[in-house]
C-alpha atoms as a PDB file:
ATOM      1  CA  UNK A   1     119.874  97.365 207.204  1.00  0.00           C
ATOM      2  CA  UNK A   2     120.662  94.811 209.943  1.00  0.00           C
ATOM      3  CA  UNK A   3     118.086  96.325 212.296  1.00  0.00           C
ATOM      4  CA  UNK A   4     115.479  96.292 209.550  1.00  0.00           C
ATOM      5  CA  UNK A   5     116.307  92.672 208.704  1.00  0.00           C
ATOM      6  CA  UNK A   6     115.706  91.611 212.329  1.00  0.00           C
ATOM      7  CA  UNK A   7     112.177  93.041 212.182  1.00  0.00           C
ATOM      8  CA  UNK A   8     111.175  90.965 209.148  1.00  0.00           C
ATOM      9  CA  UNK A   9     109.641  87.487 209.105  1.00  0.00           C
ATOM     10  CA  UNK A  10     112.562  85.075 208.770  1.00  0.00           C
ATOM     11  CA  UNK A  11     110.394  82.581 206.888  1.00  0.00           C
ATOM     12  CA  UNK A  12     109.511  84.980 204.082  1.00  0.00           C
ATOM     13  CA  UNK A  13     112.314  87.519 203.785  1.00  0.00           C
ATOM     14  CA  UNK A  14     115.866  86.690 202.845  1.00  0.00           C
ATOM     15  CA  UNK A  15     119.078  88.702 202.900  1.00  0.00           C
ATOM     16  CA  UNK A  16     120.959  87.992 199.689  1.00  0.00           C
ATOM     17  CA  UNK A  17     123.294  90.971 199.470  1.00  0.00           C
ATOM     18  CA  UNK A  18     124.612  93.754 201.668  1.00  0.00           C
ATOM     19  CA  UNK A  19     122.090  96.072 199.993  1.00  0.00           C
ATOM     20  CA  UNK A  20     119.173  93.692 199.288  1.00  0.00           C
ATOM     21  CA  UNK A  21     116.561  91.746 201.212  1.00  0.00           C
ATOM     22  CA  UNK A  22     114.021  89.852 199.096  1.00  0.00           C
ATOM     23  CA  UNK A  23     110.510  88.661 199.813  1.00  0.00           C
ATOM     24  CA  UNK A  24     110.656  85.014 198.745  1.00  0.00           C
ATOM     25  CA  UNK A  25     106.937  85.084 197.932  1.00  0.00           C
ATOM     26  CA  UNK A  26     107.758  87.491 195.093  1.00  0.00           C
ATOM     27  CA  UNK A  27     110.753  85.662 193.606  1.00  0.00           C
ATOM     28  CA  UNK A  28     109.917  84.444 190.108  1.00  0.00           C
ATOM     29  CA  UNK A  29     113.255  82.808 189.324  1.00  0.00           C
ATOM     30  CA  UNK A  30     116.690  82.084 190.709  1.00  0.00           C
ATOM     31  CA  UNK A  31     120.155  81.633 189.290  1.00  0.00           C
ATOM     32  CA  UNK A  32     123.452  80.968 190.995  1.00  0.00           C
ATOM     33  CA  UNK A  33     124.211  84.666 191.443  1.00  0.00           C
ATOM     34  CA  UNK A  34     120.780  86.330 191.360  1.00  0.00           C
ATOM     35  CA  UNK A  35     117.089  86.202 192.139  1.00  0.00           C
ATOM     36  CA  UNK A  36     114.483  87.450 189.696  1.00  0.00           C
ATOM     37  CA  UNK A  37     111.414  89.369 190.776  1.00  0.00           C
ATOM     38  CA  UNK A  38     109.488  89.953 187.596  1.00  0.00           C
ATOM     39  CA  UNK A  39     111.886  91.751 185.277  1.00  0.00           C
ATOM     40  CA  UNK A  40     114.135  92.893 188.130  1.00  0.00           C
ATOM     41  CA  UNK A  41     117.394  91.063 188.786  1.00  0.00           C
ATOM     42  CA  UNK A  42     118.518  91.075 192.420  1.00  0.00           C
ATOM     43  CA  UNK A  43     122.175  90.095 192.905  1.00  0.00           C
ATOM     44  CA  UNK A  44     123.261  87.469 195.409  1.00  0.00           C
ATOM     45  CA  UNK A  45     126.670  88.300 196.809  1.00  0.00           C
ATOM     46  CA  UNK A  46     129.284  85.593 197.363  1.00  0.00           C
ATOM     47  CA  UNK A  47     129.111  86.022 201.125  1.00  0.00           C
ATOM     48  CA  UNK A  48     125.338  85.395 201.181  1.00  0.00           C
ATOM     49  CA  UNK A  49     125.176  82.861 198.340  1.00  0.00           C
ATOM     50  CA  UNK A  50     125.128  79.558 200.216  1.00  0.00           C
ATOM     51  CA  UNK A  51     122.711  80.729 202.910  1.00  0.00           C
ATOM     52  CA  UNK A  52     120.444  82.476 200.398  1.00  0.00           C
ATOM     53  CA  UNK A  53     120.092  79.382 198.229  1.00  0.00           C
ATOM     54  CA  UNK A  54     119.616  77.071 201.206  1.00  0.00           C
ATOM     55  CA  UNK A  55     116.851  79.261 202.623  1.00  0.00           C
ATOM     56  CA  UNK A  56     115.187  79.713 199.238  1.00  0.00           C
ATOM     57  CA  UNK A  57     115.300  75.961 198.518  1.00  0.00           C
ATOM     58  CA  UNK A  58     113.769  75.277 201.941  1.00  0.00           C
ATOM     59  CA  UNK A  59     111.079  77.875 201.275  1.00  0.00           C
ATOM     60  CA  UNK A  60     110.232  76.173 197.966  1.00  0.00           C
ATOM     61  CA  UNK A  61     110.066  72.741 199.642  1.00  0.00           C
ATOM     62  CA  UNK A  62     107.708  74.045 202.319  1.00  0.00           C
ATOM     63  CA  UNK A  63     105.517  75.739 199.691  1.00  0.00           C
ATOM     64  CA  UNK A  64     105.321  72.496 197.715  1.00  0.00           C
ATOM     65  CA  UNK A  65     104.399  70.505 200.834  1.00  0.00           C
ATOM     66  CA  UNK A  66     101.720  73.055 201.701  1.00  0.00           C
ATOM     67  CA  UNK A  67     100.246  72.902 198.194  1.00  0.00           C
ATOM     68  CA  UNK A  68     100.199  69.094 198.291  1.00  0.00           C
ATOM     69  CA  UNK A  69      98.357  69.177 201.640  1.00  0.00           C
ATOM     70  CA  UNK A  70      95.811  71.595 200.186  1.00  0.00           C
ATOM     71  CA  UNK A  71      95.087  69.138 197.360  1.00  0.00           C
ATOM     72  CA  UNK A  72      94.209  66.347 199.832  1.00  0.00           C
END
């Protein structure tokens, strides 16, 4: 999984668990211990929790900035 993770775009894909990498463009919701992609619940392990939420929050901020620029 580590080799696969290195091949993915760091700005879009996020490791949140030993067994899961999520595409942040597809995340429809987030909780403290999980991401939601549609009806699927993807767990966030304790060891990845802080980094996963920091990266996801940054992704959301960048998306919001991009959308605001598009409106101008």
